[in-house]
């Protein structure tokens, strides 16, 4: 019976992977919240538009150095497109107008770990990312900032408190 379960899980994973690879979207898109039967995608400004996306350590290092030169604090979000919690953070936290206003004073970077690679794994190890979503912060001097407010979860109140401390 366990062998059948394992084979079933592999079959589902293979279907999801193949479905996503041919550009048909994500088979698990039903995990997104809906409103009146429609998928809720954006608020007034999509959270994804607030970020610069990087896929390599070199690109991330470049953005961090630029922020340090400009004396801007940095917020890095490690996320995955398949992650239901990442979608909830987008919908419930990053879509908030006050959060978005505070983020304008930051260099905001997203690292998409949806498709694993050796380099992404190294980046995750470097920044101690053990799950997503994960926010990493640097102050205006380029020093890592311990956002202990977010240890118990990413909420509007907790993120706003962290953004205020770094502004």
Foldseek 3Di string as FASTA:
>chain_A
DVVVVVVVVVVVVVVQVVCVVVPVDGPVVVLADDDPPHGDQAAVDQLVVLADEDAAPVVVVVLLVVLLVVLAKEKEWEAEPPDSLVNCCRVAASRDPVLSVLSVRHHYYYYYCNDPDPRVVVVCVVQVPPDPGDMWIAASNSHTDDLVLDVVHDHNVSSVVVSVVRD
